[in-house]
């Protein structure tokens, strides 16, 4: 998956807002910051008392965010490798 497509799909799917057209590395770093923040918020909410259905939805969202963070880190690593 290309960098632009990754940023576009993740921001759209997770409703993280619009991103300015910046450098690829900067955009991916900014996206990773937002994803990590979202992951912490979800983790806190999972620790509280919730209904079974809501907890299941939060776990699914947590897994999706975790996978997207992993993908983002891989893309960022590739971008740094290209530079060398």
PDB file of N, CA and C in Angstrom:
ATOM      1  N   UNK A   1       0.854  -1.168   0.000  1.00  0.00           N
ATOM      2  CA  UNK A   1       0.000   0.000   0.000  1.00  0.00           C
ATOM      3  C   UNK A   1       0.903   1.235   0.000  1.00  0.00           C
ATOM      4  N   UNK A   2       0.552   2.198  -0.830  1.00  0.00           N
ATOM      5  CA  UNK A   2       1.319   3.430  -0.887  1.00  0.00           C
ATOM      6  C   UNK A   2       1.068   4.315   0.320  1.00  0.00           C
ATOM      7  N   UNK A   3       1.957   5.263   0.506  1.00  0.00           N
ATOM      8  CA  UNK A   3       1.879   6.143   1.669  1.00  0.00           C
ATOM      9  C   UNK A   3       0.620   6.998   1.619  1.00  0.00           C
ATOM     10  N   UNK A   4       0.351   7.602   0.490  1.00  0.00           N
ATOM     11  CA  UNK A   4      -0.827   8.474   0.381  1.00  0.00           C
ATOM     12  C   UNK A   4      -2.113   7.692   0.591  1.00  0.00           C
ATOM     13  N   UNK A   5      -2.171   6.497   0.022  1.00  0.00           N
ATOM     14  CA  UNK A   5      -3.370   5.671   0.166  1.00  0.00           C
ATOM     15  C   UNK A   5      -3.540   5.237   1.624  1.00  0.00           C
ATOM     16  N   UNK A   6      -2.443   4.889   2.276  1.00  0.00           N
ATOM     17  CA  UNK A   6      -2.500   4.504   3.688  1.00  0.00           C
ATOM     18  C   UNK A   6      -3.050   5.644   4.531  1.00  0.00           C
ATOM     19  N   UNK A   7      -2.512   6.831   4.344  1.00  0.00           N
ATOM     20  CA  UNK A   7      -2.954   7.990   5.120  1.00  0.00           C
ATOM     21  C   UNK A   7      -4.427   8.276   4.860  1.00  0.00           C
ATOM     22  N   UNK A   8      -4.809   8.228   3.597  1.00  0.00           N
ATOM     23  CA  UNK A   8      -6.195   8.528   3.233  1.00  0.00           C
ATOM     24  C   UNK A   8      -7.167   7.516   3.833  1.00  0.00           C
ATOM     25  N   UNK A   9      -6.863   6.228   3.727  1.00  0.00           N
ATOM     26  CA  UNK A   9      -7.790   5.209   4.224  1.00  0.00           C
ATOM     27  C   UNK A   9      -7.880   5.213   5.745  1.00  0.00           C
ATOM     28  N   UNK A  10      -6.744   5.383   6.421  1.00  0.00           N
ATOM     29  CA  UNK A  10      -6.758   5.365   7.885  1.00  0.00           C
ATOM     30  C   UNK A  10      -7.498   6.578   8.434  1.00  0.00           C
ATOM     31  N   UNK A  11      -7.231   7.758   7.874  1.00  0.00           N
ATOM     32  CA  UNK A  11      -7.911   8.954   8.379  1.00  0.00           C
ATOM     33  C   UNK A  11      -9.407   8.883   8.113  1.00  0.00           C
ATOM     34  N   UNK A  12      -9.783   8.326   6.972  1.00  0.00           N
ATOM     35  CA  UNK A  12     -11.204   8.216   6.647  1.00  0.00           C
ATOM     36  C   UNK A  12     -11.886   7.185   7.554  1.00  0.00           C
ATOM     37  N   UNK A  13     -11.271   6.026   7.710  1.00  0.00           N
ATOM     38  CA  UNK A  13     -11.867   4.941   8.482  1.00  0.00           C
ATOM     39  C   UNK A  13     -11.982   5.289   9.962  1.00  0.00           C
ATOM     40  N   UNK A  14     -10.943   5.904  10.513  1.00  0.00           N
ATOM     41  CA  UNK A  14     -10.937   6.210  11.938  1.00  0.00           C
ATOM     42  C   UNK A  14     -11.389   7.628  12.253  1.00  0.00           C
ATOM     43  N   UNK A  15     -11.789   8.353  11.223  1.00  0.00           N
ATOM     44  CA  UNK A  15     -12.310   9.720  11.380  1.00  0.00           C
ATOM     45  C   UNK A  15     -11.349  10.582  12.194  1.00  0.00           C
ATOM     46  N   UNK A  16     -10.114  10.657  11.736  1.00  0.00           N
ATOM     47  CA  UNK A  16      -9.081  11.412  12.440  1.00  0.00           C
ATOM     48  C   UNK A  16      -8.943  12.834  11.925  1.00  0.00           C
ATOM     49  N   UNK A  17      -9.737  13.226  10.985  1.00  0.00           N
ATOM     50  CA  UNK A  17      -9.663  14.588  10.472  1.00  0.00           C
ATOM     51  C   UNK A  17      -8.819  14.659   9.211  1.00  0.00           C
ATOM     52  N   UNK A  18      -8.753  15.841   8.659  1.00  0.00           N
ATOM     53  CA  UNK A  18      -8.013  16.051   7.424  1.00  0.00           C
ATOM     54  C   UNK A  18      -6.542  16.327   7.714  1.00  0.00           C
ATOM     55  N   UNK A  19      -5.712  15.932   6.784  1.00  0.00           N
ATOM     56  CA  UNK A  19      -4.289  16.188   6.880  1.00  0.00           C
ATOM     57  C   UNK A  19      -3.878  17.124   5.763  1.00  0.00           C
ATOM     58  N   UNK A  20      -2.962  18.008   6.062  1.00  0.00           N
ATOM     59  CA  UNK A  20      -2.414  18.894   5.045  1.00  0.00           C
ATOM     60  C   UNK A  20      -1.453  18.091   4.181  1.00  0.00           C
ATOM     61  N   UNK A  21      -1.255  18.548   2.958  1.00  0.00           N
ATOM     62  CA  UNK A  21      -0.270  17.907   2.104  1.00  0.00           C
ATOM     63  C   UNK A  21       1.112  18.338   2.567  1.00  0.00           C
ATOM     64  N   UNK A  22       1.751  17.477   3.303  1.00  0.00           N
ATOM     65  CA  UNK A  22       3.089  17.734   3.818  1.00  0.00           C
ATOM     66  C   UNK A  22       3.984  16.625   3.286  1.00  0.00           C
ATOM     67  N   UNK A  23       5.185  16.600   3.770  1.00  0.00           N
ATOM     68  CA  UNK A  23       6.071  15.511   3.397  1.00  0.00           C
ATOM     69  C   UNK A  23       5.506  14.190   3.873  1.00  0.00           C
ATOM     70  N   UNK A  24       5.847  13.138   3.184  1.00  0.00           N
ATOM     71  CA  UNK A  24       5.310  11.820   3.532  1.00  0.00           C
ATOM     72  C   UNK A  24       5.691  11.415   4.950  1.00  0.00           C
ATOM     73  N   UNK A  25       6.945  11.619   5.304  1.00  0.00           N
ATOM     74  CA  UNK A  25       7.397  11.216   6.639  1.00  0.00           C
ATOM     75  C   UNK A  25       6.657  11.984   7.726  1.00  0.00           C
ATOM     76  N   UNK A  26       6.520  13.277   7.520  1.00  0.00           N
ATOM     77  CA  UNK A  26       5.855  14.108   8.522  1.00  0.00           C
ATOM     78  C   UNK A  26       4.384  13.707   8.668  1.00  0.00           C
ATOM     79  N   UNK A  27       3.735  13.439   7.545  1.00  0.00           N
ATOM     80  CA  UNK A  27       2.331  13.034   7.588  1.00  0.00           C
ATOM     81  C   UNK A  27       2.157  11.704   8.319  1.00  0.00           C
ATOM     82  N   UNK A  28       3.024  10.747   8.024  1.00  0.00           N
ATOM     83  CA  UNK A  28       2.920   9.436   8.667  1.00  0.00           C
ATOM     84  C   UNK A  28       3.218   9.559  10.159  1.00  0.00           C
ATOM     85  N   UNK A  29       4.215  10.372  10.523  1.00  0.00           N
ATOM     86  CA  UNK A  29       4.522  10.573  11.943  1.00  0.00           C
ATOM     87  C   UNK A  29       3.326  11.179  12.670  1.00  0.00           C
ATOM     88  N   UNK A  30       2.713  12.175  12.069  1.00  0.00           N
ATOM     89  CA  UNK A  30       1.557  12.834  12.675  1.00  0.00           C
ATOM     90  C   UNK A  30       0.388  11.852  12.823  1.00  0.00           C
ATOM     91  N   UNK A  31       0.189  11.040  11.811  1.00  0.00           N
ATOM     92  CA  UNK A  31      -0.867  10.035  11.855  1.00  0.00           C
ATOM     93  C   UNK A  31      -0.589   9.013  12.956  1.00  0.00           C
ATOM     94  N   UNK A  32       0.658   8.597  13.095  1.00  0.00           N
ATOM     95  CA  UNK A  32       1.016   7.641  14.150  1.00  0.00           C
ATOM     96  C   UNK A  32       0.787   8.227  15.539  1.00  0.00           C
ATOM     97  N   UNK A  33       1.064   9.518  15.707  1.00  0.00           N
ATOM     98  CA  UNK A  33       0.797  10.163  16.990  1.00  0.00           C
ATOM     99  C   UNK A  33      -0.688  10.107  17.325  1.00  0.00           C
ATOM    100  N   UNK A  34      -1.523  10.413  16.326  1.00  0.00           N
ATOM    101  CA  UNK A  34      -2.970  10.394  16.560  1.00  0.00           C
ATOM    102  C   UNK A  34      -3.461   8.979  16.832  1.00  0.00           C
ATOM    103  N   UNK A  35      -2.910   8.002  16.110  1.00  0.00           N
ATOM    104  CA  UNK A  35      -3.312   6.614  16.335  1.00  0.00           C
ATOM    105  C   UNK A  35      -2.910   6.144  17.733  1.00  0.00           C
ATOM    106  N   UNK A  36      -1.723   6.496  18.166  1.00  0.00           N
ATOM    107  CA  UNK A  36      -1.279   6.102  19.516  1.00  0.00           C
ATOM    108  C   UNK A  36      -2.140   6.759  20.584  1.00  0.00           C
ATOM    109  N   UNK A  37      -2.506   8.009  20.366  1.00  0.00           N
ATOM    110  CA  UNK A  37      -3.385   8.699  21.313  1.00  0.00           C
ATOM    111  C   UNK A  37      -4.744   8.001  21.369  1.00  0.00           C
ATOM    112  N   UNK A  38      -5.263   7.651  20.202  1.00  0.00           N
ATOM    113  CA  UNK A  38      -6.558   6.955  20.126  1.00  0.00           C
ATOM    114  C   UNK A  38      -6.484   5.612  20.828  1.00  0.00           C
ATOM    115  N   UNK A  39      -5.357   4.916  20.657  1.00  0.00           N
ATOM    116  CA  UNK A  39      -5.174   3.608  21.278  1.00  0.00           C
ATOM    117  C   UNK A  39      -5.193   3.726  22.805  1.00  0.00           C
ATOM    118  N   UNK A  40      -4.528   4.757  23.342  1.00  0.00           N
ATOM    119  CA  UNK A  40      -4.518   4.966  24.796  1.00  0.00           C
ATOM    120  C   UNK A  40      -5.919   5.257  25.321  1.00  0.00           C
ATOM    121  N   UNK A  41      -6.683   6.062  24.582  1.00  0.00           N
ATOM    122  CA  UNK A  41      -8.046   6.400  24.998  1.00  0.00           C
ATOM    123  C   UNK A  41      -8.917   5.145  25.014  1.00  0.00           C
ATOM    124  N   UNK A  42      -8.801   4.336  23.990  1.00  0.00           N
ATOM    125  CA  UNK A  42      -9.592   3.101  23.914  1.00  0.00           C
ATOM    126  C   UNK A  42      -9.211   2.167  25.056  1.00  0.00           C
ATOM    127  N   UNK A  43      -7.908   2.060  25.322  1.00  0.00           N
ATOM    128  CA  UNK A  43      -7.444   1.179  26.395  1.00  0.00           C
ATOM    129  C   UNK A  43      -8.007   1.612  27.748  1.00  0.00           C
ATOM    130  N   UNK A  44      -8.034   2.917  27.997  1.00  0.00           N
ATOM    131  CA  UNK A  44      -8.609   3.424  29.247  1.00  0.00           C
ATOM    132  C   UNK A  44     -10.088   3.087  29.346  1.00  0.00           C
ATOM    133  N   UNK A  45     -10.800   3.277  28.230  1.00  0.00           N
ATOM    134  CA  UNK A  45     -12.246   2.989  28.244  1.00  0.00           C
ATOM    135  C   UNK A  45     -12.511   1.507  28.445  1.00  0.00           C
ATOM    136  N   UNK A  46     -11.634   0.653  27.929  1.00  0.00           N
ATOM    137  CA  UNK A  46     -11.817  -0.788  28.112  1.00  0.00           C
ATOM    138  C   UNK A  46     -11.660  -1.202  29.573  1.00  0.00           C
ATOM    139  N   UNK A  47     -10.861  -0.457  30.320  1.00  0.00           N
ATOM    140  CA  UNK A  47     -10.654  -0.770  31.730  1.00  0.00           C
ATOM    141  C   UNK A  47     -11.855  -0.407  32.597  1.00  0.00           C
ATOM    142  N   UNK A  48     -12.705   0.486  32.097  1.00  0.00           N
ATOM    143  CA  UNK A  48     -13.883   0.871  32.876  1.00  0.00           C
ATOM    144  C   UNK A  48     -14.997  -0.158  32.675  1.00  0.00           C
ATOM    145  N   UNK A  49     -16.039  -0.044  33.497  1.00  0.00           N
ATOM    146  CA  UNK A  49     -17.175  -0.956  33.400  1.00  0.00           C
ATOM    147  C   UNK A  49     -18.052  -0.558  32.219  1.00  0.00           C
ATOM    148  N   UNK A  50     -18.184  -1.467  31.266  1.00  0.00           N
ATOM    149  CA  UNK A  50     -18.990  -1.228  30.075  1.00  0.00           C
ATOM    150  C   UNK A  50     -19.888  -2.425  29.824  1.00  0.00           C
ATOM    151  N   UNK A  51     -20.868  -2.198  28.983  1.00  0.00           N
ATOM    152  CA  UNK A  51     -21.726  -3.304  28.567  1.00  0.00           C
ATOM    153  C   UNK A  51     -20.924  -4.230  27.657  1.00  0.00           C
ATOM    154  N   UNK A  52     -21.379  -5.450  27.567  1.00  0.00           N
ATOM    155  CA  UNK A  52     -20.666  -6.460  26.801  1.00  0.00           C
ATOM    156  C   UNK A  52     -20.522  -6.063  25.327  1.00  0.00           C
ATOM    157  N   UNK A  53     -21.589  -5.534  24.747  1.00  0.00           N
ATOM    158  CA  UNK A  53     -21.576  -5.163  23.338  1.00  0.00           C
ATOM    159  C   UNK A  53     -20.596  -4.007  23.087  1.00  0.00           C
ATOM    160  N   UNK A  54     -20.636  -3.001  23.953  1.00  0.00           N
ATOM    161  CA  UNK A  54     -19.755  -1.846  23.796  1.00  0.00           C
ATOM    162  C   UNK A  54     -18.290  -2.254  23.980  1.00  0.00           C
ATOM    163  N   UNK A  55     -18.043  -3.143  24.919  1.00  0.00           N
ATOM    164  CA  UNK A  55     -16.683  -3.619  25.164  1.00  0.00           C
ATOM    165  C   UNK A  55     -16.155  -4.383  23.945  1.00  0.00           C
ATOM    166  N   UNK A  56     -17.012  -5.174  23.319  1.00  0.00           N
ATOM    167  CA  UNK A  56     -16.616  -5.933  22.133  1.00  0.00           C
ATOM    168  C   UNK A  56     -16.258  -4.979  20.989  1.00  0.00           C
ATOM    169  N   UNK A  57     -17.063  -3.942  20.805  1.00  0.00           N
ATOM    170  CA  UNK A  57     -16.791  -2.963  19.753  1.00  0.00           C
ATOM    171  C   UNK A  57     -15.478  -2.235  20.016  1.00  0.00           C
ATOM    172  N   UNK A  58     -15.225  -1.897  21.266  1.00  0.00           N
ATOM    173  CA  UNK A  58     -13.975  -1.221  21.611  1.00  0.00           C
ATOM    174  C   UNK A  58     -12.764  -2.126  21.388  1.00  0.00           C
ATOM    175  N   UNK A  59     -12.904  -3.404  21.695  1.00  0.00           N
ATOM    176  CA  UNK A  59     -11.804  -4.346  21.454  1.00  0.00           C
ATOM    177  C   UNK A  59     -11.493  -4.443  19.968  1.00  0.00           C
ATOM    178  N   UNK A  60     -12.558  -4.480  19.144  1.00  0.00           N
ATOM    179  CA  UNK A  60     -12.358  -4.535  17.698  1.00  0.00           C
ATOM    180  C   UNK A  60     -11.651  -3.275  17.200  1.00  0.00           C
ATOM    181  N   UNK A  61     -12.084  -2.123  17.681  1.00  0.00           N
ATOM    182  CA  UNK A  61     -11.459  -0.862  17.291  1.00  0.00           C
ATOM    183  C   UNK A  61     -10.004  -0.822  17.762  1.00  0.00           C
ATOM    184  N   UNK A  62      -9.746  -1.335  18.954  1.00  0.00           N
ATOM    185  CA  UNK A  62      -8.388  -1.391  19.490  1.00  0.00           C
ATOM    186  C   UNK A  62      -7.491  -2.234  18.580  1.00  0.00           C
ATOM    187  N   UNK A  63      -8.002  -3.373  18.142  1.00  0.00           N
ATOM    188  CA  UNK A  63      -7.230  -4.243  17.250  1.00  0.00           C
ATOM    189  C   UNK A  63      -6.952  -3.564  15.912  1.00  0.00           C
ATOM    190  N   UNK A  64      -7.951  -2.873  15.364  1.00  0.00           N
ATOM    191  CA  UNK A  64      -7.780  -2.172  14.088  1.00  0.00           C
ATOM    192  C   UNK A  64      -6.723  -1.086  14.225  1.00  0.00           C
ATOM    193  N   UNK A  65      -6.804  -0.305  15.287  1.00  0.00           N
ATOM    194  CA  UNK A  65      -5.835   0.765  15.517  1.00  0.00           C
ATOM    195  C   UNK A  65      -4.436   0.178  15.678  1.00  0.00           C
ATOM    196  N   UNK A  66      -4.323  -0.940  16.386  1.00  0.00           N
ATOM    197  CA  UNK A  66      -3.023  -1.579  16.586  1.00  0.00           C
ATOM    198  C   UNK A  66      -2.414  -2.030  15.258  1.00  0.00           C
ATOM    199  N   UNK A  67      -3.233  -2.604  14.400  1.00  0.00           N
ATOM    200  CA  UNK A  67      -2.752  -3.042  13.086  1.00  0.00           C
ATOM    201  C   UNK A  67      -2.333  -1.852  12.234  1.00  0.00           C
ATOM    202  N   UNK A  68      -3.102  -0.784  12.280  1.00  0.00           N
ATOM    203  CA  UNK A  68      -2.763   0.405  11.494  1.00  0.00           C
ATOM    204  C   UNK A  68      -1.484   1.060  12.001  1.00  0.00           C
ATOM    205  N   UNK A  69      -1.246   1.021  13.300  1.00  0.00           N
ATOM    206  CA  UNK A  69       0.009   1.538  13.857  1.00  0.00           C
ATOM    207  C   UNK A  69       1.178   0.706  13.333  1.00  0.00           C
ATOM    208  N   UNK A  70       0.995  -0.590  13.328  1.00  0.00           N
ATOM    209  CA  UNK A  70       2.043  -1.485  12.827  1.00  0.00           C
ATOM    210  C   UNK A  70       2.329  -1.190  11.354  1.00  0.00           C
ATOM    211  N   UNK A  71       1.275  -1.013  10.552  1.00  0.00           N
ATOM    212  CA  UNK A  71       1.447  -0.703   9.131  1.00  0.00           C
ATOM    213  C   UNK A  71       2.129   0.648   8.946  1.00  0.00           C
ATOM    214  N   UNK A  72       1.734   1.613   9.736  1.00  0.00           N
ATOM    215  CA  UNK A  72       2.323   2.948   9.650  1.00  0.00           C
ATOM    216  C   UNK A  72       3.805   2.937   9.981  1.00  0.00           C
ATOM    217  N   UNK A  73       4.179   2.179  10.990  1.00  0.00           N
ATOM    218  CA  UNK A  73       5.589   2.080  11.360  1.00  0.00           C
ATOM    219  C   UNK A  73       6.393   1.417  10.248  1.00  0.00           C
ATOM    220  N   UNK A  74       5.809   0.412   9.606  1.00  0.00           N
ATOM    221  CA  UNK A  74       6.493  -0.255   8.497  1.00  0.00           C
ATOM    222  C   UNK A  74       6.701   0.714   7.331  1.00  0.00           C
ATOM    223  N   UNK A  75       5.694   1.506   7.025  1.00  0.00           N
ATOM    224  CA  UNK A  75       5.805   2.489   5.947  1.00  0.00           C
ATOM    225  C   UNK A  75       6.858   3.531   6.293  1.00  0.00           C
ATOM    226  N   UNK A  76       6.857   4.004   7.515  1.00  0.00           N
ATOM    227  CA  UNK A  76       7.838   4.995   7.947  1.00  0.00           C
ATOM    228  C   UNK A  76       9.255   4.421   7.847  1.00  0.00           C
ATOM    229  N   UNK A  77       9.421   3.172   8.243  1.00  0.00           N
ATOM    230  CA  UNK A  77      10.722   2.514   8.154  1.00  0.00           C
ATOM    231  C   UNK A  77      11.184   2.458   6.696  1.00  0.00           C
ATOM    232  N   UNK A  78      10.268   2.115   5.793  1.00  0.00           N
ATOM    233  CA  UNK A  78      10.610   2.075   4.351  1.00  0.00           C
ATOM    234  C   UNK A  78      11.012   3.439   3.836  1.00  0.00           C
ATOM    235  N   UNK A  79      10.317   4.480   4.296  1.00  0.00           N
ATOM    236  CA  UNK A  79      10.659   5.829   3.863  1.00  0.00           C
ATOM    237  C   UNK A  79      12.060   6.228   4.324  1.00  0.00           C
ATOM    238  N   UNK A  80      12.414   5.840   5.532  1.00  0.00           N
ATOM    239  CA  UNK A  80      13.762   6.145   6.032  1.00  0.00           C
ATOM    240  C   UNK A  80      14.815   5.319   5.311  1.00  0.00           C
ATOM    241  N   UNK A  81      14.464   4.098   4.915  1.00  0.00           N
ATOM    242  CA  UNK A  81      15.412   3.247   4.186  1.00  0.00           C
ATOM    243  C   UNK A  81      15.685   3.819   2.789  1.00  0.00           C
ATOM    244  N   UNK A  82      14.672   4.403   2.163  1.00  0.00           N
ATOM    245  CA  UNK A  82      14.849   4.998   0.834  1.00  0.00           C
ATOM    246  C   UNK A  82      15.834   6.164   0.881  1.00  0.00           C
ATOM    247  N   UNK A  83      15.834   6.862   2.000  1.00  0.00           N
ATOM    248  CA  UNK A  83      16.666   8.039   2.136  1.00  0.00           C
ATOM    249  C   UNK A  83      18.149   7.680   2.145  1.00  0.00           C
ATOM    250  N   UNK A  84      18.479   6.520   2.685  1.00  0.00           N
ATOM    251  CA  UNK A  84      19.891   6.110   2.816  1.00  0.00           C
ATOM    252  C   UNK A  84      20.490   5.679   1.530  1.00  0.00           C
TER     253      UNK A  84
END
